[in-house]
Protein backbone atom coordinates (compact mmCIF):
# COMPACT_ATOMS: atom_id res chain seq x y z
CA MET A 1 0.38 -0.48 0.09
CA ALA A 2 2.67 2.49 1.14
CA GLU A 3 4.62 1.63 -2.43
CA ALA A 4 1.43 2.17 -4.21
CA ALA A 5 0.92 5.52 -2.56
CA LEU A 6 4.78 6.75 -3.00
CA GLY A 7 4.08 5.69 -6.76
CA LEU A 8 1.14 8.04 -7.13
CA ILE A 9 3.05 10.98 -5.50
CA ARG A 10 6.00 10.36 -7.98
CA LYS A 11 3.45 10.46 -11.07
CA ILE A 12 1.75 13.60 -9.64
CA GLY A 13 5.17 15.21 -9.34
CA ASN A 14 6.12 14.23 -12.90
CA LEU A 15 2.90 16.25 -13.61
CA PRO A 16 2.82 19.73 -14.89
CA LEU A 17 1.70 22.40 -12.69
CA GLY A 18 -1.35 23.11 -13.92
CA ALA A 19 -2.55 19.66 -13.92
CA ALA A 20 -0.52 18.71 -10.47
CA PHE A 21 -2.69 20.98 -8.83
CA SER A 22 -6.15 19.82 -10.80
CA VAL A 23 -5.74 16.64 -9.46
CA VAL A 24 -4.34 16.94 -5.78
CA MET A 25 -7.58 20.09 -5.34
CA PHE A 26 -9.98 17.01 -7.12
CA ALA A 27 -9.06 14.42 -4.49
CA VAL A 28 -9.46 17.35 -1.82
CA LEU A 29 -12.59 18.69 -2.79
CA VAL A 30 -14.14 14.76 -3.22
CA ILE A 31 -12.89 14.19 0.23
CA LEU A 32 -14.63 17.39 1.56
CA ALA A 33 -17.51 15.97 -0.06
CA ALA A 34 -17.65 12.78 1.54
CA ILE A 35 -16.14 13.05 4.79
CA GLY A 36 -16.45 16.76 5.57
CA PRO A 37 -20.07 17.11 6.81
CA TYR A 38 -19.07 14.77 9.72
CA VAL A 39 -15.55 16.29 10.94
CA VAL A 40 -16.40 20.10 11.37
CA PRO A 41 -15.84 21.42 14.41
CA TYR A 42 -19.27 23.04 14.69
CA ASP A 43 -22.77 22.39 13.50
CA PRO A 44 -23.06 24.66 10.57
CA LEU A 45 -26.83 25.93 10.91
CA ALA A 46 -26.29 26.49 14.64
CA THR A 47 -26.98 29.70 15.69
CA VAL A 48 -25.18 31.65 18.27
CA PRO A 49 -26.09 35.16 18.62
CA ALA A 50 -23.61 36.05 21.44
CA SER A 51 -20.63 34.60 18.94
CA ALA A 52 -21.77 36.90 15.66
CA MET A 53 -19.15 38.40 13.41
CA GLN A 54 -16.40 37.48 15.24
CA PRO A 55 -13.30 37.54 12.90
CA PRO A 56 -10.95 34.17 12.60
CA SER A 57 -9.18 32.82 15.20
CA LEU A 58 -8.11 29.32 16.57
CA THR A 59 -11.44 29.04 17.87
CA HIS A 60 -13.35 29.88 14.42
CA TRP A 61 -10.32 29.52 11.76
CA PHE A 62 -12.83 31.42 9.08
CA GLY A 63 -14.89 33.66 11.81
CA THR A 64 -18.45 33.94 12.58
CA ASP A 65 -21.13 35.22 10.03
CA GLN A 66 -24.15 37.48 11.68
CA LEU A 67 -25.78 34.87 13.26
CA GLY A 68 -23.10 33.51 14.87
CA ARG A 69 -22.51 30.75 12.47
CA ASP A 70 -18.90 29.18 12.32
CA ILE A 71 -18.09 29.81 8.48
CA PHE A 72 -15.59 27.15 8.47
CA SER A 73 -17.95 24.13 9.19
CA ARG A 74 -20.70 25.84 6.58
CA THR A 75 -17.93 26.27 3.95
CA ILE A 76 -16.52 22.65 3.93
CA THR A 77 -19.88 21.08 4.59
CA ALA A 78 -21.21 23.62 1.34
CA THR A 79 -18.89 21.23 -0.46
CA ARG A 80 -20.96 18.22 -0.57
CA ILE A 81 -24.34 20.44 -1.97
CA ASP A 82 -22.29 22.40 -4.32
CA LEU A 83 -20.47 19.39 -6.15
CA VAL A 84 -23.27 16.95 -5.98
CA THR A 85 -25.65 19.59 -7.27
CA ALA A 86 -23.33 20.12 -10.30
CA LEU A 87 -22.47 16.79 -10.78
CA SER A 88 -26.12 15.67 -11.11
CA ALA A 89 -26.34 18.66 -13.97
CA VAL A 90 -24.04 17.61 -15.87
CA LEU A 91 -24.49 13.80 -15.64
CA ILE A 92 -28.09 14.27 -16.62
CA SER A 93 -26.70 17.12 -19.77
CA LEU A 94 -24.49 14.63 -21.06
CA VAL A 95 -26.49 11.50 -20.95
CA THR A 96 -29.70 13.68 -22.65
CA GLY A 97 -27.44 15.74 -24.71
CA THR A 98 -25.59 12.77 -25.93
CA THR A 99 -28.32 10.67 -26.66
CA ILE A 100 -30.10 13.31 -28.78
CA GLY A 101 -26.64 14.44 -30.43
CA ALA A 102 -26.08 10.47 -31.40
CA VAL A 103 -29.71 10.26 -32.83
CA ALA A 104 -29.49 13.57 -34.88
CA GLY A 105 -26.20 13.00 -36.43
CA TRP A 106 -27.02 9.32 -37.12
CA SER A 107 -30.45 10.13 -38.77
CA GLY A 108 -29.52 13.43 -40.29
CA ARG A 109 -32.27 15.62 -42.38
CA TRP A 110 -35.05 16.67 -40.66
CA LEU A 111 -34.53 15.43 -37.47
CA ASP A 112 -30.95 16.99 -37.61
CA ALA A 113 -31.88 20.32 -38.83
CA VAL A 114 -34.64 20.59 -36.18
CA SER A 115 -32.42 19.38 -32.99
CA THR A 116 -29.52 21.81 -34.52
CA ARG A 117 -31.73 25.01 -34.77
CA VAL A 118 -33.18 24.11 -31.15
CA PHE A 119 -29.40 24.04 -29.47
CA ASP A 120 -28.55 27.17 -31.68
CA THR A 121 -31.43 28.92 -29.65
CA ILE A 122 -30.51 28.04 -26.54
CA MET A 123 -26.84 28.97 -27.23
CA ALA A 124 -28.09 32.17 -28.62
CA PHE A 125 -29.09 33.37 -25.25
CA PRO A 126 -26.81 34.50 -22.24
CA LEU A 127 -26.29 31.32 -20.82
CA PHE A 128 -26.81 32.43 -17.38
CA ALA A 129 -29.44 34.47 -18.05
CA LEU A 130 -31.27 32.16 -19.49
CA ALA A 131 -30.83 29.59 -16.70
CA VAL A 132 -32.25 32.20 -14.58
CA GLY A 133 -35.52 32.17 -16.45
CA ILE A 134 -35.81 28.71 -15.87
CA ALA A 135 -35.20 28.70 -12.44
CA ALA A 136 -37.41 31.04 -12.03
CA ALA A 137 -39.80 29.39 -13.49
CA LEU A 138 -39.66 26.18 -11.73
CA GLY A 139 -39.35 27.44 -8.11
CA ASN A 140 -36.72 27.88 -5.47
CA SER A 141 -35.22 24.67 -5.29
CA ILE A 142 -31.88 22.13 -5.42
CA SER A 143 -33.82 20.84 -8.45
CA SER A 144 -34.46 23.59 -10.24
CA VAL A 145 -31.31 24.56 -9.69
CA ILE A 146 -30.09 21.02 -11.47
CA ILE A 147 -32.43 21.25 -13.96
CA ALA A 148 -31.67 24.81 -15.35
CA THR A 149 -28.18 24.00 -15.23
CA ALA A 150 -28.26 20.97 -16.71
CA ILE A 151 -30.45 22.50 -20.03
CA VAL A 152 -28.10 25.26 -20.09
CA ASN A 153 -24.77 22.65 -20.54
CA MET A 154 -26.86 20.09 -23.03
CA PRO A 155 -25.64 21.86 -26.58
CA PHE A 156 -22.13 21.11 -25.58
CA PHE A 157 -22.78 17.68 -25.36
CA ALA A 158 -25.34 17.26 -28.30
CA ARG A 159 -23.51 19.48 -30.82
CA GLN A 160 -20.35 17.60 -29.99
CA VAL A 161 -21.32 13.79 -30.47
CA ARG A 162 -23.81 15.19 -33.21
CA THR A 163 -20.63 16.02 -35.45
CA GLU A 164 -18.57 13.24 -34.25
CA VAL A 165 -21.29 10.54 -35.39
CA ASN A 166 -22.55 12.83 -38.89
CA ARG A 167 -18.69 12.37 -39.64
CA ARG A 168 -18.27 8.86 -38.86
CA ARG A 169 -20.72 6.66 -39.54
CA SER A 170 -19.96 6.77 -43.12
CA ALA A 171 -16.55 5.17 -42.12
CA GLY A 172 -15.18 1.91 -43.42
CA TYR A 173 -15.77 0.23 -39.39
CA VAL A 174 -19.51 1.52 -39.91
CA GLU A 175 -19.68 0.45 -43.34
CA ALA A 176 -18.70 -2.87 -42.55
CA ALA A 177 -20.98 -3.36 -39.36
CA ARG A 178 -23.83 -2.32 -41.74
CA LEU A 179 -23.09 -4.82 -44.22
CA ALA A 180 -22.71 -7.40 -41.44
CA ARG A 181 -26.23 -6.31 -40.72
CA ILE A 182 -26.03 -4.90 -36.95
CA PRO A 183 -29.19 -2.72 -36.02
CA ALA A 184 -28.11 1.13 -36.11
CA PRO A 185 -28.59 1.82 -32.64
CA LYS A 186 -26.18 -1.07 -32.17
CA ILE A 187 -23.47 0.43 -34.06
CA VAL A 188 -23.90 3.79 -32.54
CA ALA A 189 -23.39 2.41 -29.36
CA PHE A 190 -20.81 -0.25 -29.49
CA HIS A 191 -18.76 1.34 -32.89
CA ILE A 192 -18.88 4.55 -32.40
CA MET A 193 -20.13 6.27 -28.99
CA PRO A 194 -16.72 4.61 -27.51
CA ASN A 195 -14.51 7.05 -29.60
CA LEU A 196 -16.04 9.93 -28.30
CA VAL A 197 -15.27 8.89 -24.81
CA PRO A 198 -12.30 10.76 -24.62
CA PRO A 199 -13.28 14.11 -25.97
CA LEU A 200 -17.01 13.43 -23.67
CA MET A 201 -14.53 13.34 -20.73
CA VAL A 202 -12.89 16.58 -21.36
CA GLN A 203 -16.09 18.46 -22.15
CA SER A 204 -17.69 16.92 -18.94
CA SER A 205 -14.93 18.38 -16.25
CA LEU A 206 -15.18 22.13 -18.09
CA ASN A 207 -18.22 22.24 -17.69
CA MET A 208 -18.32 20.71 -14.14
CA GLY A 209 -16.75 24.57 -13.44
CA TRP A 210 -19.39 25.79 -15.25
CA ALA A 211 -22.04 24.01 -13.37
CA ILE A 212 -20.81 25.10 -10.10
CA LEU A 213 -20.06 28.71 -11.08
CA ASN A 214 -23.92 28.53 -12.05
CA ALA A 215 -25.47 27.08 -9.63
CA ALA A 216 -23.17 29.14 -6.92
CA GLY A 217 -24.85 32.20 -8.79
CA LEU A 218 -28.63 31.37 -9.12
CA SER A 219 -27.98 30.72 -5.73
CA PHE A 220 -26.64 34.11 -4.80
CA ILE A 221 -29.21 36.17 -6.71
CA GLY A 222 -31.82 34.03 -4.43
CA LEU A 223 -33.41 31.71 -6.62
CA GLY A 224 -31.32 28.50 -6.04
CA ILE A 225 -30.75 26.63 -3.24
CA GLN A 226 -31.98 28.62 -0.05
CA PRO A 227 -30.96 29.55 3.50
CA PRO A 228 -30.40 28.26 6.03
CA ASP A 229 -28.38 25.57 3.89
CA PRO A 230 -25.02 26.48 3.50
CA GLU A 231 -24.07 26.88 0.12
CA TRP A 232 -21.41 28.87 -1.38
CA GLY A 233 -23.35 31.02 -3.57
CA ILE A 234 -25.58 32.20 -0.21
CA MET A 235 -22.81 32.49 1.46
CA VAL A 236 -21.00 35.61 -0.65
CA ALA A 237 -24.24 36.64 -0.90
CA ASP A 238 -24.68 36.86 2.51
CA GLY A 239 -21.08 38.23 2.90
CA ALA A 240 -21.51 40.59 0.63
CA ALA A 241 -23.32 43.18 2.95
CA TYR A 242 -20.64 43.32 4.79
CA MET A 243 -17.95 43.80 2.38
CA PHE A 244 -17.46 47.17 3.02
CA SER A 245 -17.68 47.52 7.03
CA GLY A 246 -14.41 45.21 7.45
CA GLU A 247 -16.03 42.26 7.88
CA TRP A 248 -14.26 40.44 4.93
CA TRP A 249 -14.15 36.87 6.18
CA VAL A 250 -18.08 36.29 6.04
CA PHE A 251 -17.68 36.71 1.89
CA LEU A 252 -13.99 35.78 1.47
CA PHE A 253 -13.54 32.04 2.48
CA PRO A 254 -16.45 30.90 0.76
CA GLY A 255 -15.92 33.00 -2.36
CA LEU A 256 -12.73 31.55 -2.26
CA MET A 257 -13.66 28.00 -1.89
CA LEU A 258 -15.66 28.81 -4.98
CA MET A 259 -12.97 29.88 -7.04
CA LEU A 260 -10.68 26.72 -6.13
CA ALA A 261 -13.37 24.56 -6.94
CA VAL A 262 -13.89 26.33 -10.55
CA LEU A 263 -10.01 26.33 -11.21
CA THR A 264 -10.05 23.04 -10.23
CA PHE A 265 -12.17 21.59 -13.14
CA THR A 266 -10.78 23.86 -15.46
CA LEU A 267 -7.62 22.77 -15.43
CA LEU A 268 -8.37 19.27 -14.77
CA GLY A 269 -10.28 19.18 -18.29
CA ASP A 270 -7.06 20.73 -19.68
CA ALA A 271 -4.97 18.18 -18.28
CA LEU A 272 -7.03 15.51 -19.60
CA ARG A 273 -7.27 16.93 -23.14
CA ASP A 274 -3.44 17.28 -22.83
CA TRP A 275 -3.09 13.72 -21.98
CA LEU A 276 -5.81 12.18 -24.53
CA ASP A 277 -4.33 14.49 -27.28
CA PRO A 278 -0.34 14.16 -26.70
CA ARG A 279 0.08 16.65 -30.44
CA ARG A 280 -2.10 19.58 -27.84
CA ALA A 281 0.89 19.43 -25.37
CA SER A 282 3.55 19.19 -27.64
């Protein structure tokens, strides 16, 4: 076990700085999401008015907010909420977008044209503004944030898959499968889609960063996850009121965690792209 851990550390050490940082931070975020809520020193929902607005100290590492809640405990607990929300949205958009894109790319003709126009229309809107409209129509809840984020991310996967399937459906190995009378769904699923896994991995990582930022933005303006649940966007919104009165810690630490999470998945996507396509790294 120790030798395997040392080998993994050496491999990470040989990575470029950005890739190594993204791998380490990804592991940290996953660990915090998994065990963070169980090991935080304070109840993230407990209010202690007598301890309100205390600056960072040995007792409260990130200070306390206007209700006396421990910001460190709330920031760590929010990791699970934000990651699960973003991951759920990306999975929905990945599955739905991939399915629509594959069907459109293989079928062509009117179905391809209709789906392309629909996704072009979605991407013509400012995506966050579109997410705001969808979340406002569905109501303030985690499910609304997930659905809104999934819809605005779906075109990225659908367009990518549609292009690749449309390009590969006349390839030699696909023609051979047709001559063998293999059904079209099996050709797409077992002959074409395996070739799309690497680019979809890269796109999923990039979309995770956007999904986290989108979910936090919806919560920031009051259309996402609602108080008192700990969530980075809510915490930044709470701290914004105290930004110019000297209580900088209320918004700074959750804002830093949000920034690090988005940066992690963006760098991870770039690292995956370089790893899966060595020509980009040269």
